[in-house]
């Protein structure tokens, strides 16, 4: 299986696609101004106690206050609280964690009223992003995730991932980590640490401890509340940290700055694979070049087609996600209705496992498969779904089909489901339903080019248009493009872009910066 990561960087947003055998399996897109909140650590204040819920609301600077349950304070909350007071009492000299005393564990049946008070300062980490009307979910059990391990302050325990099965390797890793970790730190050894040498693990341990030291130094000096004291690594690096494996064939980036970040990170964790990171410099948009745009437009939306006319209908609600499996207009199997239902359902299981990763659907997912009479067929479908979900990094649980033919799946939810709107708003009428004659579209483009060259003074630029329009502009020996170049200079390039609607266009300067030439008055 070939795996490739495609990173599309724009001035306002960054998108990351993971391809397995050229098929899109994971997709993330976010604005560059938005901070990636999961993993961020804040010095914040308790705003309101909720005795009935045995929880409190904490102000971390979001629009909605964050939720902190008593059980999420962690067993070592008292030790944290005492250490923070020691750190903040001396602004000149940092009190080392190795000298911090460990207090008795917090009682599991305790009350938030007796532990916290309104206005109290707490050190909290976001474990779940704001979703819909809910604010972020918090914990006081801090952790710093790396490629091979997770560092947990005030916890001396060393745990090894259950996915490492060999007893000898588990013992080796446990003893090795015990020998290199400092006092008052616990460690969870991740699956990717299997077979790694002590030098690699020690290097990452020191990097994670430095993150803790930098964070606690910020806590010592900070005075405003709430204040972010540790920010999770950038979205690109965070995704690579969790996804990266040595079997990757290529990581392609279309931006020099992000390319250097990714290259530096890969050089740090896998020096022998640094050459797979490549800077994409082609004129065709990077997602179009790797056939990602087309897959995004076909994989998102309410209806998703798969094998031989069958399709899924996916509905997102506040409480759960509902998936309906339909055989559509596919040809019936020669072996009868039961064989046909099994074939459609197995194909749906393959596509659904991909959709869960692609959309990052979390919470409860209810799937209505086509009814099957044979118990062995239902068992085969359940086993197929379990096998397909093995590649999924999110924690999940799958129940066998109920007597109504429904399968229930729960999947870890840490951020809102990825939902890409694949419907296109008409770029020439702005949804009003009336446009100028489409035959005049190229005249409109020429007037924009004329204004860009003669009035604004930009001589070198790229014009992105729909592939059909690009084909029309480029057709013939004396094409429209050639006429424009002779009239306005050879700095003009026409580039087909699959993400654009039929009569949509975008201008970019030679550095790739977007030039806004759109005016709604054009349509009146």
Protein backbone atom coordinates (compact mmCIF):
# COMPACT_ATOMS: atom_id res chain seq x y z
CA UNK A 1 0.00 0.00 0.00
CA UNK A 2 1.32 3.45 -0.94
CA UNK A 3 0.67 6.38 1.41
CA UNK A 4 1.06 10.05 0.51
CA UNK A 5 0.36 13.29 2.36
CA UNK A 6 -0.64 16.32 0.29
CA UNK A 7 -0.51 19.73 2.00
CA UNK A 8 -2.25 22.65 0.27
CA UNK A 9 -1.28 26.01 1.80
CA UNK A 10 -3.21 29.20 1.01
CA UNK A 11 -2.90 32.64 2.62
CA UNK A 12 -6.16 32.15 4.56
CA UNK A 13 -6.34 28.38 5.08
CA UNK A 14 -4.34 25.18 5.10
CA UNK A 15 -5.65 21.77 3.98
CA UNK A 16 -4.08 18.35 4.50
CA UNK A 17 -5.04 15.17 2.64
CA UNK A 18 -3.86 11.62 3.34
CA UNK A 19 -4.00 9.25 0.37
CA UNK A 20 -3.75 5.46 0.63
CA UNK A 21 -3.31 3.80 -2.77
CA UNK A 22 -4.35 7.18 -4.32
CA UNK A 23 -7.66 7.03 -2.40
CA UNK A 24 -8.49 9.91 -0.04
CA UNK A 25 -8.90 8.57 3.53
CA UNK A 26 -8.27 11.60 5.78
CA UNK A 27 -8.85 15.30 5.18
CA UNK A 28 -8.38 18.30 7.45
CA UNK A 29 -8.90 21.95 6.60
CA UNK A 30 -8.77 25.00 8.83
CA UNK A 31 -8.20 28.72 8.60
CA UNK A 32 -4.64 29.78 9.33
CA UNK A 33 -5.84 32.34 11.88
CA UNK A 34 -7.62 29.64 13.94
CA UNK A 35 -5.62 28.07 16.73
CA UNK A 36 -5.67 24.29 17.02
CA UNK A 37 -7.05 24.14 20.57
CA UNK A 38 -6.84 20.43 21.56
CA UNK A 39 -3.67 19.98 23.62
CA UNK A 40 -3.31 23.69 24.48
CA UNK A 41 -2.67 24.47 28.17
CA UNK A 42 -4.05 27.56 29.93
CA UNK A 43 -3.71 29.29 33.26
CA UNK A 44 -7.38 30.02 33.82
CA UNK A 45 -9.88 30.97 36.52
CA UNK A 46 -12.84 29.04 37.88
CA UNK A 47 -15.91 31.05 36.90
CA UNK A 48 -18.86 29.07 38.25
CA UNK A 49 -19.34 25.94 40.41
CA UNK A 50 -22.06 23.44 39.47
CA UNK A 51 -22.59 21.19 42.55
CA UNK A 52 -25.39 19.25 40.87
CA UNK A 53 -23.04 18.15 38.09
CA UNK A 54 -20.03 17.95 40.46
CA UNK A 55 -18.25 20.15 37.93
CA UNK A 56 -17.37 23.77 37.21
CA UNK A 57 -17.11 26.20 34.32
CA UNK A 58 -13.69 27.72 33.61
CA UNK A 59 -12.87 30.84 31.60
CA UNK A 60 -10.12 30.00 29.07
CA UNK A 61 -10.83 32.89 26.71
CA UNK A 62 -13.31 31.13 24.39
CA UNK A 63 -16.75 32.50 23.54
CA UNK A 64 -18.25 29.82 25.79
CA UNK A 65 -16.80 28.82 29.15
CA UNK A 66 -15.04 25.46 29.26
CA UNK A 67 -16.35 22.47 31.26
CA UNK A 68 -14.24 20.78 33.96
CA UNK A 69 -15.64 17.77 35.84
CA UNK A 70 -14.41 16.84 39.32
CA UNK A 71 -13.06 13.50 38.06
CA UNK A 72 -11.02 15.37 35.41
CA UNK A 73 -9.10 17.21 38.12
CA UNK A 74 -6.92 14.10 38.33
CA UNK A 75 -5.62 12.22 41.33
CA UNK A 76 -2.59 14.53 41.63
CA UNK A 77 -4.54 17.83 41.68
CA UNK A 78 -3.41 18.67 45.23
CA UNK A 79 0.25 18.22 44.23
CA UNK A 80 -0.24 20.48 41.19
CA UNK A 81 -1.97 23.14 43.28
CA UNK A 82 0.84 23.24 45.86
CA UNK A 83 3.56 23.28 43.17
CA UNK A 84 1.89 26.18 41.29
CA UNK A 85 1.84 28.26 44.48
CA UNK A 86 5.56 27.54 44.97
CA UNK A 87 6.32 28.52 41.35
CA UNK A 88 4.32 31.76 41.49
CA UNK A 89 5.67 32.82 44.88
CA UNK A 90 9.17 33.45 43.45
CA UNK A 91 9.33 35.35 40.15
CA UNK A 92 13.13 35.20 39.93
CA UNK A 93 14.05 31.58 40.60
CA UNK A 94 12.06 28.66 39.18
CA UNK A 95 11.19 25.95 41.70
CA UNK A 96 12.20 22.60 40.07
CA UNK A 97 9.58 19.87 39.79
CA UNK A 98 12.10 17.26 40.98
CA UNK A 99 11.96 18.89 44.46
CA UNK A 100 8.16 19.10 44.51
CA UNK A 101 6.49 17.02 47.20
CA UNK A 102 3.72 14.58 46.31
CA UNK A 103 0.52 15.00 48.31
CA UNK A 104 -2.13 12.27 48.85
CA UNK A 105 -4.35 11.46 45.86
CA UNK A 106 -7.63 13.31 45.42
CA UNK A 107 -10.60 11.22 46.60
CA UNK A 108 -12.71 9.86 43.74
CA UNK A 109 -15.95 10.40 45.67
CA UNK A 110 -15.07 14.00 46.62
CA UNK A 111 -17.00 17.17 45.81
CA UNK A 112 -16.07 20.08 43.54
CA UNK A 113 -17.40 22.49 46.21
CA UNK A 114 -14.83 21.40 48.78
CA UNK A 115 -11.95 21.28 46.26
CA UNK A 116 -12.37 24.48 44.20
CA UNK A 117 -13.72 27.97 44.73
CA UNK A 118 -14.84 30.70 42.32
CA UNK A 119 -11.89 32.81 41.15
CA UNK A 120 -9.32 30.08 41.89
CA UNK A 121 -6.50 29.76 39.34
CA UNK A 122 -6.10 26.33 37.72
CA UNK A 123 -3.74 24.91 35.11
CA UNK A 124 -5.92 23.16 32.52
CA UNK A 125 -5.52 21.39 29.17
CA UNK A 126 -8.15 21.18 26.41
CA UNK A 127 -9.10 17.61 25.53
CA UNK A 128 -12.13 18.34 23.34
CA UNK A 129 -12.75 21.31 21.06
CA UNK A 130 -15.94 23.42 21.25
CA UNK A 131 -18.64 21.49 19.37
CA UNK A 132 -21.94 23.12 18.37
CA UNK A 133 -23.36 24.84 21.49
CA UNK A 134 -20.88 23.21 23.91
CA UNK A 135 -17.69 24.85 25.13
CA UNK A 136 -14.32 23.05 25.32
CA UNK A 137 -13.82 20.07 27.65
CA UNK A 138 -10.90 20.35 30.09
CA UNK A 139 -8.62 18.20 32.24
CA UNK A 140 -6.08 19.04 34.94
CA UNK A 141 -4.09 15.87 34.16
CA UNK A 142 -1.59 17.49 31.79
CA UNK A 143 0.19 15.51 29.07
CA UNK A 144 2.78 16.30 26.39
CA UNK A 145 2.52 14.03 23.35
CA UNK A 146 5.52 13.06 21.26
CA UNK A 147 6.11 10.57 18.48
CA UNK A 148 7.23 7.72 20.76
CA UNK A 149 5.83 8.64 24.16
CA UNK A 150 3.48 10.83 26.17
CA UNK A 151 4.95 12.68 29.17
CA UNK A 152 2.70 13.10 32.25
CA UNK A 153 3.91 15.37 35.10
CA UNK A 154 3.31 14.28 38.73
CA UNK A 155 2.89 10.64 37.80
CA UNK A 156 5.77 8.20 38.34
CA UNK A 157 4.09 5.31 36.49
CA UNK A 158 5.45 3.94 33.17
CA UNK A 159 2.83 2.30 30.91
CA UNK A 160 3.40 0.57 27.57
CA UNK A 161 0.88 0.57 24.70
CA UNK A 162 -1.25 -2.58 24.68
CA UNK A 163 -0.64 -2.82 20.91
CA UNK A 164 2.97 -3.87 21.66
CA UNK A 165 2.35 -7.59 22.20
CA UNK A 166 5.84 -9.08 22.76
CA UNK A 167 6.55 -9.49 26.47
CA UNK A 168 10.31 -9.03 26.04
CA UNK A 169 9.88 -5.76 24.17
CA UNK A 170 7.39 -4.43 26.74
CA UNK A 171 9.82 -5.22 29.57
CA UNK A 172 12.75 -3.65 27.67
CA UNK A 173 10.86 -0.42 27.01
CA UNK A 174 9.57 -0.19 30.56
CA UNK A 175 13.03 -0.64 32.10
CA UNK A 176 14.62 1.71 29.57
CA UNK A 177 12.14 4.53 30.22
CA UNK A 178 12.41 4.04 34.00
CA UNK A 179 16.17 4.56 33.72
CA UNK A 180 16.03 7.82 31.72
CA UNK A 181 12.94 9.63 33.04
CA UNK A 182 13.31 12.30 35.74
CA UNK A 183 11.59 12.22 39.11
CA UNK A 184 7.90 13.22 39.28
CA UNK A 185 7.22 12.38 35.64
CA UNK A 186 5.18 9.48 34.29
CA UNK A 187 5.35 8.15 30.72
CA UNK A 188 3.01 6.32 28.34
CA UNK A 189 5.07 4.51 25.71
CA UNK A 190 3.38 4.66 22.28
CA UNK A 191 3.24 1.85 19.72
CA UNK A 192 5.72 3.60 17.41
CA UNK A 193 8.45 3.21 20.12
CA UNK A 194 8.64 -0.55 19.44
CA UNK A 195 12.21 -1.52 18.50
CA UNK A 196 13.61 2.01 18.97
CA UNK A 197 17.04 2.55 20.51
CA UNK A 198 17.69 4.34 23.79
CA UNK A 199 19.28 7.35 22.03
CA UNK A 200 16.09 8.08 20.02
CA UNK A 201 13.85 7.73 23.06
CA UNK A 202 16.15 9.80 25.27
CA UNK A 203 16.24 12.57 22.64
CA UNK A 204 12.44 12.80 22.57
CA UNK A 205 12.23 12.60 26.38
CA UNK A 206 14.48 15.67 26.65
CA UNK A 207 12.40 17.52 24.03
CA UNK A 208 9.17 16.83 25.97
CA UNK A 209 10.73 17.87 29.29
CA UNK A 210 11.85 21.13 27.63
CA UNK A 211 8.21 21.77 26.66
CA UNK A 212 7.24 21.36 30.33
CA UNK A 213 10.07 23.66 31.46
CA UNK A 214 9.12 26.35 28.90
CA UNK A 215 5.47 26.10 29.94
CA UNK A 216 6.11 26.36 33.68
CA UNK A 217 8.45 29.32 33.08
CA UNK A 218 5.52 31.11 31.35
CA UNK A 219 3.28 30.29 34.32
CA UNK A 220 5.86 31.82 36.69
CA UNK A 221 6.04 35.10 34.74
CA UNK A 222 2.41 35.44 33.60
CA UNK A 223 0.02 37.75 35.40
CA UNK A 224 -3.06 38.00 33.16
CA UNK A 225 -5.80 35.36 33.30
CA UNK A 226 -6.80 33.46 31.27
CA UNK A 227 -3.52 33.02 29.41
CA UNK A 228 -2.27 30.31 27.09
CA UNK A 229 1.00 28.90 28.46
CA UNK A 230 1.54 26.02 26.05
CA UNK A 231 0.34 25.81 22.45
CA UNK A 232 0.13 22.50 20.63
CA UNK A 233 2.37 22.22 17.57
CA UNK A 234 0.98 23.43 14.22
CA UNK A 235 -1.78 21.42 12.59
CA UNK A 236 0.52 19.99 9.94
CA UNK A 237 3.17 18.79 12.39
CA UNK A 238 0.53 17.54 14.86
CA UNK A 239 -1.10 15.42 12.14
CA UNK A 240 2.25 14.07 10.98
CA UNK A 241 3.22 13.21 14.55
CA UNK A 242 0.20 10.93 14.89
CA UNK A 243 0.07 9.64 11.32
CA UNK A 244 3.67 9.35 10.20
CA UNK A 245 5.03 5.91 9.48
CA UNK A 246 8.14 4.77 7.59
CA UNK A 247 6.08 3.38 4.71
CA UNK A 248 5.17 6.86 3.43
CA UNK A 249 6.14 7.36 -0.21
CA UNK A 250 5.87 11.13 -0.30
CA UNK A 251 4.86 14.29 1.54
CA UNK A 252 4.12 17.08 -0.94
CA UNK A 253 3.86 20.75 0.12
CA UNK A 254 3.18 23.80 -2.07
CA UNK A 255 4.55 26.40 0.37
CA UNK A 256 8.25 26.98 1.17
CA UNK A 257 7.77 27.92 4.83
CA UNK A 258 5.56 24.93 5.67
CA UNK A 259 7.87 22.71 3.58
CA UNK A 260 10.79 23.69 5.86
CA UNK A 261 8.70 23.00 9.01
CA UNK A 262 7.69 19.55 7.75
CA UNK A 263 11.20 18.71 6.55
CA UNK A 264 12.72 19.72 9.90
CA UNK A 265 10.19 17.57 11.77
CA UNK A 266 10.75 14.49 9.58
CA UNK A 267 14.50 15.03 9.88
CA UNK A 268 14.08 14.95 13.65
CA UNK A 269 11.97 11.78 13.91
CA UNK A 270 13.11 9.81 10.84
CA UNK A 271 16.30 11.23 9.28
CA UNK A 272 16.47 8.43 6.69
CA UNK A 273 13.05 9.50 5.28
CA UNK A 274 13.75 13.23 4.94
CA UNK A 275 13.95 12.97 1.13
CA UNK A 276 10.26 12.01 0.86
CA UNK A 277 9.32 15.62 1.76
CA UNK A 278 9.07 17.48 -1.53
CA UNK A 279 8.22 21.05 -2.48
CA UNK A 280 5.53 21.16 -5.17
CA UNK A 281 6.17 23.94 -7.69
CA UNK A 282 3.79 23.01 -10.53
CA UNK A 283 1.37 25.57 -11.94
CA UNK A 284 -1.67 23.28 -11.65
CA UNK A 285 -3.13 23.51 -8.09
CA UNK A 286 -1.58 20.78 -5.92
CA UNK A 287 -4.91 19.12 -5.02
CA UNK A 288 -5.88 18.99 -8.71
CA UNK A 289 -2.52 17.45 -9.60
CA UNK A 290 -2.99 14.58 -7.12
CA UNK A 291 -6.73 14.15 -7.89
CA UNK A 292 -7.74 15.26 -4.38
CA UNK A 293 -10.24 17.97 -5.39
CA UNK A 294 -12.37 15.54 -7.39
CA UNK A 295 -12.37 13.02 -4.53
CA UNK A 296 -13.39 15.71 -2.01
CA UNK A 297 -16.33 16.76 -4.19
CA UNK A 298 -17.46 13.14 -4.66
CA UNK A 299 -16.87 11.94 -1.06
CA UNK A 300 -18.57 14.75 0.89
CA UNK A 301 -22.20 15.80 0.80
CA UNK A 302 -25.37 14.01 1.82
CA UNK A 303 -25.19 11.25 -0.82
CA UNK A 304 -22.04 9.18 -1.39
CA UNK A 305 -21.90 6.76 -4.31
CA UNK A 306 -19.80 3.61 -4.23
CA UNK A 307 -19.77 0.23 -6.06
CA UNK A 308 -22.09 -0.36 -9.05
CA UNK A 309 -24.81 2.17 -8.35
CA UNK A 310 -25.14 1.58 -4.60
CA UNK A 311 -24.94 4.64 -2.36
CA UNK A 312 -24.94 5.90 1.25
CA UNK A 313 -27.09 8.70 2.63
CA UNK A 314 -25.33 10.40 5.57
CA UNK A 315 -27.21 12.78 7.87
CA UNK A 316 -25.53 14.73 10.71
CA UNK A 317 -27.66 15.72 13.72
CA UNK A 318 -26.88 17.25 17.12
CA UNK A 319 -27.24 13.89 18.88
CA UNK A 320 -25.84 11.39 16.37
CA UNK A 321 -24.93 10.57 12.77
CA UNK A 322 -27.32 8.42 10.73
CA UNK A 323 -26.27 6.39 7.68
CA UNK A 324 -28.69 4.65 5.31
CA UNK A 325 -27.43 2.00 2.85
CA UNK A 326 -29.19 1.80 -0.53
CA UNK A 327 -28.65 -0.65 -3.38
CA UNK A 328 -29.76 1.98 -5.92
CA UNK A 329 -30.07 0.92 -9.57
CA UNK A 330 -27.38 -1.79 -9.38
CA UNK A 331 -27.95 -5.02 -11.28
CA UNK A 332 -29.32 -7.83 -9.14
CA UNK A 333 -26.98 -10.70 -8.33
CA UNK A 334 -27.52 -13.98 -10.14
CA UNK A 335 -27.45 -15.75 -6.75
CA UNK A 336 -30.58 -14.01 -5.50
CA UNK A 337 -31.61 -11.20 -3.15
CA UNK A 338 -29.64 -12.45 -0.13
CA UNK A 339 -26.33 -12.51 -2.04
CA UNK A 340 -27.13 -9.09 -3.50
CA UNK A 341 -27.84 -7.63 -0.04
CA UNK A 342 -24.59 -9.09 1.33
CA UNK A 343 -22.53 -7.66 -1.54
CA UNK A 344 -24.07 -4.18 -1.15
CA UNK A 345 -23.59 -4.25 2.63
CA UNK A 346 -19.94 -5.36 2.44
CA UNK A 347 -19.23 -2.54 -0.01
CA UNK A 348 -21.01 -0.12 2.32
CA UNK A 349 -18.84 -1.30 5.24
CA UNK A 350 -15.70 -0.53 3.21
CA UNK A 351 -16.91 2.94 2.23
CA UNK A 352 -18.31 3.77 5.69
CA UNK A 353 -14.98 3.01 7.43
CA UNK A 354 -13.34 5.45 5.00
CA UNK A 355 -16.06 8.06 5.55
CA UNK A 356 -15.68 7.95 9.34
CA UNK A 357 -11.97 8.78 9.05
CA UNK A 358 -12.49 11.26 6.22
CA UNK A 359 -15.20 13.31 7.96
CA UNK A 360 -13.83 12.61 11.46
CA UNK A 361 -17.35 11.67 12.55
CA UNK A 362 -17.55 11.13 16.32
CA UNK A 363 -20.11 10.25 18.97
CA UNK A 364 -22.86 7.80 18.05
CA UNK A 365 -23.20 6.52 14.47
CA UNK A 366 -26.25 4.42 13.56
CA UNK A 367 -26.10 2.51 10.26
CA UNK A 368 -29.20 1.03 8.58
CA UNK A 369 -27.89 -1.82 6.43
CA UNK A 370 -30.05 -3.76 3.97
CA UNK A 371 -31.82 -6.60 5.81
CA UNK A 372 -30.16 -10.04 5.64
CA UNK A 373 -31.82 -13.26 6.76
CA UNK A 374 -28.75 -15.48 7.30
CA UNK A 375 -26.93 -15.18 10.65
CA UNK A 376 -23.58 -16.05 9.01
CA UNK A 377 -24.01 -13.12 6.57
CA UNK A 378 -24.68 -10.72 9.44
CA UNK A 379 -21.61 -12.02 11.27
CA UNK A 380 -19.49 -11.65 8.10
CA UNK A 381 -20.61 -8.01 7.80
CA UNK A 382 -19.76 -7.32 11.46
CA UNK A 383 -16.28 -8.85 11.08
CA UNK A 384 -15.68 -6.88 7.86
CA UNK A 385 -16.56 -3.63 9.63
CA UNK A 386 -14.26 -4.45 12.57
CA UNK A 387 -11.40 -5.26 10.17
CA UNK A 388 -11.90 -2.03 8.20
CA UNK A 389 -11.86 0.04 11.40
CA UNK A 390 -8.49 -1.34 12.54
CA UNK A 391 -6.73 1.46 10.60
CA UNK A 392 -8.72 4.10 12.50
CA UNK A 393 -6.63 5.89 15.16
CA UNK A 394 -9.69 7.16 17.07
CA UNK A 395 -11.03 4.97 19.88
CA UNK A 396 -14.18 3.21 18.75
CA UNK A 397 -16.61 0.44 19.62
CA UNK A 398 -18.78 -1.54 17.19
CA UNK A 399 -21.86 -3.57 18.11
CA UNK A 400 -23.19 -6.48 15.97
CA UNK A 401 -26.34 -5.92 13.93
CA UNK A 402 -29.54 -5.67 15.94
CA UNK A 403 -32.70 -7.55 14.98
CA UNK A 404 -33.78 -4.43 13.06
CA UNK A 405 -30.64 -4.58 10.88
CA UNK A 406 -29.03 -1.58 12.59
CA UNK A 407 -25.35 -1.36 13.51
CA UNK A 408 -24.32 1.00 16.29
CA UNK A 409 -20.82 2.49 16.36
CA UNK A 410 -19.34 4.87 18.91
CA UNK A 411 -16.23 6.80 17.90
CA UNK A 412 -14.08 9.21 19.88
CA UNK A 413 -15.09 12.81 19.26
CA UNK A 414 -12.52 15.53 19.99
CA UNK A 415 -13.53 18.12 17.37
CA UNK A 416 -16.55 18.88 15.14
CA UNK A 417 -17.12 16.51 12.22
CA UNK A 418 -15.49 17.64 8.97
CA UNK A 419 -18.27 18.70 6.62
CA UNK A 420 -17.38 20.16 3.23
CA UNK A 421 -20.15 21.91 1.33
CA UNK A 422 -19.85 20.49 -2.19
CA UNK A 423 -22.75 22.53 -3.59
CA UNK A 424 -21.61 25.53 -5.60
CA UNK A 425 -23.12 29.01 -5.30
CA UNK A 426 -23.34 30.64 -8.69
CA UNK A 427 -20.38 33.06 -8.77
CA UNK A 428 -22.00 35.37 -11.30
CA UNK A 429 -25.42 35.91 -9.69
CA UNK A 430 -24.45 35.33 -6.01
CA UNK A 431 -27.47 33.06 -5.54
CA UNK A 432 -30.01 35.52 -6.97
CA UNK A 433 -30.90 33.37 -9.97
CA UNK A 434 -30.06 35.79 -12.80
CA UNK A 435 -26.75 36.13 -14.65
CA UNK A 436 -25.36 37.85 -17.67
CA UNK A 437 -25.13 35.82 -20.83
CA UNK A 438 -22.39 33.20 -20.34
CA UNK A 439 -21.07 33.88 -23.86
CA UNK A 440 -19.94 37.30 -22.57
CA UNK A 441 -17.87 35.67 -19.78
CA UNK A 442 -14.58 35.85 -21.71
CA UNK A 443 -15.24 39.55 -22.46
CA UNK A 444 -15.64 40.11 -18.73
CA UNK A 445 -12.37 38.28 -18.08
CA UNK A 446 -10.57 40.43 -20.65
CA UNK A 447 -11.83 43.62 -19.01
CA UNK A 448 -10.45 42.36 -15.68
CA UNK A 449 -7.07 41.57 -17.31
CA UNK A 450 -7.00 45.01 -18.93
CA UNK A 451 -7.69 46.69 -15.57
CA UNK A 452 -5.05 44.55 -13.83
CA UNK A 453 -2.34 45.34 -16.39
CA UNK A 454 -3.05 48.93 -17.41
CA UNK A 455 -4.52 50.46 -14.23
CA UNK A 456 -3.16 48.41 -11.31
CA UNK A 457 0.15 47.70 -13.02
CA UNK A 458 0.47 43.96 -12.33
CA UNK A 459 2.17 42.47 -15.40
CA UNK A 460 2.78 38.87 -14.25
CA UNK A 461 -0.17 36.89 -12.89
CA UNK A 462 -2.08 33.59 -13.10
CA UNK A 463 -5.76 33.37 -14.03
CA UNK A 464 -7.47 30.30 -12.50
CA UNK A 465 -10.68 29.18 -14.22
CA UNK A 466 -12.84 26.05 -14.50
CA UNK A 467 -11.14 23.35 -16.68
CA UNK A 468 -13.88 23.62 -19.35
CA UNK A 469 -13.38 27.38 -19.60
CA UNK A 470 -9.59 26.91 -19.68
CA UNK A 471 -9.98 24.46 -22.57
CA UNK A 472 -12.06 27.03 -24.48
CA UNK A 473 -9.53 29.83 -23.85
CA UNK A 474 -6.59 27.61 -24.92
CA UNK A 475 -8.17 26.03 -28.02
CA UNK A 476 -6.81 26.67 -31.52
CA UNK A 477 -3.48 27.85 -32.91
CA UNK A 478 -4.41 31.51 -32.44
CA UNK A 479 -6.19 30.90 -29.15
CA UNK A 480 -7.90 33.48 -26.97
CA UNK A 481 -5.03 33.07 -24.50
CA UNK A 482 -2.47 33.85 -27.24
CA UNK A 483 -4.43 36.97 -28.29
CA UNK A 484 -4.51 38.18 -24.69
CA UNK A 485 -0.76 37.55 -24.31
CA UNK A 486 0.00 39.52 -27.47
CA UNK A 487 -2.17 42.38 -26.22
CA UNK A 488 -1.29 42.40 -22.49
CA UNK A 489 2.09 40.64 -22.31
CA UNK A 490 3.36 37.13 -21.78
CA UNK A 491 3.16 37.42 -18.00
CA UNK A 492 -0.41 36.10 -18.29
CA UNK A 493 -0.97 32.38 -17.57
CA UNK A 494 -4.31 30.55 -17.70
CA UNK A 495 -4.52 27.63 -15.24
CA UNK A 496 -7.41 25.12 -14.94
CA UNK A 497 -8.66 24.63 -11.37
CA UNK A 498 -11.15 21.90 -10.45
CA UNK A 499 -12.26 23.63 -7.25
CA UNK A 500 -13.85 26.54 -9.16
CA UNK A 501 -17.43 26.64 -10.38
CA UNK A 502 -18.19 26.93 -14.10
CA UNK A 503 -18.19 30.75 -14.42
CA UNK A 504 -15.88 31.46 -11.50
CA UNK A 505 -12.38 32.90 -11.75
CA UNK A 506 -9.50 33.85 -9.46
CA UNK A 507 -6.39 35.96 -10.05
CA UNK A 508 -3.05 35.32 -8.32
CA UNK A 509 0.16 37.34 -8.60
CA UNK A 510 3.56 35.74 -9.36
CA UNK A 511 4.12 35.08 -5.63
CA UNK A 512 0.84 33.20 -5.35
CA UNK A 513 -1.06 35.93 -3.48
CA UNK A 514 -4.79 36.18 -4.24
CA UNK A 515 -5.93 39.33 -6.09
CA UNK A 516 -9.57 40.16 -5.42
CA UNK A 517 -11.12 41.34 -8.71
CA UNK A 518 -14.70 40.26 -8.00
CA UNK A 519 -17.49 42.81 -7.84
CA UNK A 520 -21.15 41.97 -7.33
CA UNK A 521 -22.09 44.96 -9.46
CA UNK A 522 -20.84 42.98 -12.47
CA UNK A 523 -24.06 40.98 -12.45
CA UNK A 524 -26.46 43.95 -12.48
